[in-house]
Amino acid sequence: MRRRLLDATVDCLVKFGYAGTTTTRVTELAGVTRGAQVHHFPTRADLVAAAVRHLAAKRAELAIERVDAVRRSPDPLDAALDLLWELHQGPIHYATVEMWVAARTDPDLREHLTRVEPAARASVIELAEAAFGDYAENPRFRLIMYTAMDAIRGILLMGLSDEDTTNMQKRWRRAKVDLRELINAVV
């Protein structure tokens, strides 16, 4: 039941945005009663914060499935950067963006996110360390990964207002060239 509520919350965030993600809509989509929702998540902010953790877990599952393929790739650095890009795509990204934007004006949600988001970022960094292999041994690696995530998130935010995804892909290819140079410069 808990997973159904979390999946329904993510679906609502993607389809209706944060403002349209009501507990009533989530319970209807999940096929559970309001009492069951309140039992698991007393407030909307509790539900959405749990959805952030749920999204982070989904992102980690995707990455774990792909780490070995990245390591075996003819160009592991390129494959690892593309995996980092892929981890920030689709419904997971859209739901996360909805929560970030809503947290700006919702103090309860902001409080939840300030506790949850660092752990979500840390899990992406840990998976990146596994995917990047020897590159991750450099002491500056974490800082470079934060820069990579900032670049990816910025490109994707700009892409939200552009229906032509080719522009976003061009930006990513350009950023990836610069990230490769940065990584190679410190290794």
Protein backbone atom coordinates (compact mmCIF):
# COMPACT_ATOMS: atom_id res chain seq x y z
CA MET A 1 0.00 0.00 0.00
CA ARG A 2 2.85 2.36 0.88
CA ARG A 3 4.51 1.79 -2.50
CA ARG A 4 1.21 2.38 -4.31
CA LEU A 5 0.86 5.71 -2.51
CA LEU A 6 4.42 6.72 -3.40
CA ASP A 7 4.05 5.70 -7.05
CA ALA A 8 0.75 7.58 -7.24
CA THR A 9 2.39 10.66 -5.70
CA VAL A 10 5.14 10.60 -8.32
CA ASP A 11 2.56 10.15 -11.08
CA CYS A 12 0.56 13.10 -9.74
CA LEU A 13 3.65 15.31 -9.51
CA VAL A 14 4.48 14.54 -13.13
CA LYS A 15 0.92 14.90 -14.48
CA PHE A 16 -0.48 17.71 -12.32
CA GLY A 17 2.51 19.46 -10.73
CA TYR A 18 2.91 20.02 -7.02
CA ALA A 19 -0.17 22.24 -6.76
CA GLY A 20 -2.30 19.53 -8.33
CA THR A 21 -0.84 16.75 -6.18
CA THR A 22 -3.52 16.58 -3.54
CA THR A 23 -3.90 13.79 -1.03
CA THR A 24 -7.38 13.15 -2.44
CA ARG A 25 -5.99 12.74 -5.96
CA VAL A 26 -3.14 10.52 -4.73
CA THR A 27 -5.45 8.21 -2.75
CA GLU A 28 -7.80 7.90 -5.72
CA LEU A 29 -4.95 7.09 -8.09
CA ALA A 30 -3.43 4.63 -5.61
CA GLY A 31 -6.81 2.99 -4.97
CA VAL A 32 -6.59 3.38 -1.19
CA THR A 33 -8.65 5.14 1.44
CA ARG A 34 -7.82 8.52 2.92
CA GLY A 35 -7.41 6.77 6.28
CA ALA A 36 -4.76 4.46 4.84
CA GLN A 37 -2.90 7.45 3.40
CA VAL A 38 -3.01 9.32 6.72
CA HIS A 39 -1.82 6.20 8.54
CA HIS A 40 1.30 6.03 6.38
CA PHE A 41 1.79 9.75 5.67
CA PRO A 42 0.00 12.15 8.05
CA THR A 43 0.53 15.24 5.86
CA ARG A 44 0.95 16.05 2.21
CA ALA A 45 4.51 17.20 2.93
CA ASP A 46 5.26 13.83 4.60
CA LEU A 47 3.90 12.06 1.53
CA VAL A 48 5.88 14.18 -0.91
CA ALA A 49 9.09 13.92 1.14
CA ALA A 50 8.71 10.13 1.16
CA ALA A 51 8.22 10.35 -2.60
CA VAL A 52 11.61 12.11 -2.84
CA ARG A 53 13.24 9.18 -1.06
CA HIS A 54 11.29 6.81 -3.29
CA LEU A 55 12.56 8.64 -6.37
CA ALA A 56 16.13 8.45 -5.09
CA ALA A 57 15.75 4.70 -4.60
CA LYS A 58 14.39 4.31 -8.14
CA ARG A 59 17.32 6.32 -9.47
CA ALA A 60 19.73 4.10 -7.54
CA GLU A 61 18.10 0.92 -8.89
CA LEU A 62 18.52 2.17 -12.45
CA ALA A 63 22.17 3.03 -11.86
CA ILE A 64 23.00 -0.27 -10.15
CA GLU A 65 21.61 -2.14 -13.16
CA ARG A 66 23.91 -0.21 -15.48
CA VAL A 67 27.22 0.06 -13.57
CA ASP A 68 28.74 -3.16 -14.96
CA ALA A 69 27.85 -2.18 -18.53
CA VAL A 70 29.52 1.19 -17.97
CA ARG A 71 32.70 -0.46 -16.73
CA ARG A 72 32.80 -2.82 -19.74
CA SER A 73 32.15 -0.04 -22.23
CA PRO A 74 34.89 0.81 -24.77
CA ASP A 75 34.82 4.34 -23.31
CA PRO A 76 33.86 4.01 -19.61
CA LEU A 77 34.18 7.75 -18.95
CA ASP A 78 31.72 8.60 -21.72
CA ALA A 79 29.36 5.82 -20.62
CA ALA A 80 29.51 6.97 -17.00
CA LEU A 81 28.71 10.58 -17.93
CA ASP A 82 25.81 9.37 -20.06
CA LEU A 83 24.55 7.27 -17.15
CA LEU A 84 24.63 10.35 -14.92
CA TRP A 85 22.65 12.19 -17.62
CA GLU A 86 20.17 9.33 -17.89
CA LEU A 87 19.62 9.22 -14.13
CA HIS A 88 18.21 12.71 -14.33
CA GLN A 89 15.72 12.00 -17.14
CA GLY A 90 12.02 11.31 -17.35
CA PRO A 91 9.37 11.19 -14.66
CA ILE A 92 11.93 11.01 -11.86
CA HIS A 93 13.40 14.33 -12.93
CA TYR A 94 10.05 16.05 -13.52
CA ALA A 95 8.67 15.03 -10.14
CA THR A 96 11.87 16.17 -8.42
CA VAL A 97 11.79 19.56 -10.15
CA GLU A 98 8.17 20.03 -9.07
CA MET A 99 9.19 19.48 -5.46
CA TRP A 100 12.22 21.78 -5.65
CA VAL A 101 10.14 24.62 -7.05
CA ALA A 102 7.28 24.09 -4.59
CA ALA A 103 9.71 24.04 -1.65
CA ARG A 104 10.61 27.64 -2.40
CA THR A 105 7.23 28.81 -1.07
CA ASP A 106 6.20 25.84 1.11
CA PRO A 107 8.20 25.90 4.37
CA ASP A 108 6.99 22.46 5.47
CA LEU A 109 8.06 20.85 2.20
CA ARG A 110 11.34 22.81 2.23
CA GLU A 111 12.12 21.44 5.70
CA HIS A 112 11.53 17.89 4.49
CA LEU A 113 13.59 18.39 1.35
CA THR A 114 16.56 19.88 3.20
CA ARG A 115 16.77 16.60 5.10
CA VAL A 116 16.09 14.27 2.17
CA GLU A 117 17.88 15.89 -0.78
CA PRO A 118 21.46 15.58 0.60
CA ALA A 119 20.97 11.83 0.99
CA ALA A 120 19.56 11.60 -2.53
CA ARG A 121 22.57 13.50 -3.93
CA ALA A 122 24.95 11.33 -1.89
CA SER A 123 23.44 8.16 -3.36
CA VAL A 124 24.00 9.49 -6.88
CA ILE A 125 27.61 10.33 -5.97
CA GLU A 126 28.19 6.84 -4.55
CA LEU A 127 26.82 5.27 -7.71
CA ALA A 128 28.94 7.61 -9.82
CA GLU A 129 32.01 6.51 -7.87
CA ALA A 130 31.20 2.91 -8.74
CA ALA A 131 30.56 3.76 -12.40
CA PHE A 132 33.64 5.96 -12.90
CA GLY A 133 36.10 3.40 -11.52
CA ASP A 134 39.68 4.71 -11.30
CA TYR A 135 38.59 8.30 -11.93
CA ALA A 136 36.78 8.25 -8.58
CA GLU A 137 40.05 7.84 -6.69
CA ASN A 138 40.92 11.49 -7.27
CA PRO A 139 40.16 13.65 -4.20
CA ARG A 140 38.44 16.23 -6.44
CA PHE A 141 36.11 13.63 -7.95
CA ARG A 142 33.13 14.49 -5.72
CA LEU A 143 33.42 18.16 -6.57
CA ILE A 144 33.51 17.37 -10.26
CA MET A 145 30.44 15.15 -9.89
CA TYR A 146 28.58 17.97 -8.13
CA THR A 147 29.54 20.23 -11.04
CA ALA A 148 28.32 17.57 -13.49
CA MET A 149 24.98 17.25 -11.65
CA ASP A 150 24.62 21.04 -11.56
CA ALA A 151 25.27 21.20 -15.32
CA ILE A 152 22.84 18.37 -16.04
CA ARG A 153 20.11 19.85 -13.89
CA GLY A 154 20.59 23.28 -15.43
CA ILE A 155 20.38 21.89 -18.95
CA LEU A 156 17.25 19.94 -18.08
CA LEU A 157 15.61 22.95 -16.44
CA MET A 158 16.22 24.99 -19.57
CA GLY A 159 14.81 22.12 -21.58
CA LEU A 160 11.48 22.26 -19.76
CA SER A 161 10.50 25.31 -21.79
CA ASP A 162 11.73 23.97 -25.13
CA GLU A 163 9.71 21.26 -26.86
CA ASP A 164 12.59 20.57 -29.25
CA THR A 165 14.78 18.14 -27.30
CA THR A 166 17.57 18.41 -29.86
CA ASN A 167 18.66 21.69 -28.24
CA MET A 168 18.91 19.99 -24.88
CA GLN A 169 20.91 17.14 -26.37
CA LYS A 170 23.29 19.62 -28.02
CA ARG A 171 23.81 21.36 -24.67
CA TRP A 172 24.51 18.01 -23.02
CA ARG A 173 27.06 16.99 -25.67
CA ARG A 174 28.83 20.34 -25.27
CA ALA A 175 28.84 20.07 -21.46
CA LYS A 176 30.05 16.47 -21.63
CA VAL A 177 33.10 17.53 -23.65
CA ASP A 178 33.95 20.10 -20.98
CA LEU A 179 33.34 17.65 -18.14
CA ARG A 180 35.62 15.08 -19.79
CA GLU A 181 38.36 17.70 -20.06
CA LEU A 182 37.88 18.65 -16.41
CA ILE A 183 38.02 15.01 -15.27
CA ASN A 184 41.06 14.25 -17.43
CA ALA A 185 42.83 17.40 -16.19
CA VAL A 186 42.72 16.27 -12.57
CA VAL A 187 43.35 12.55 -13.05
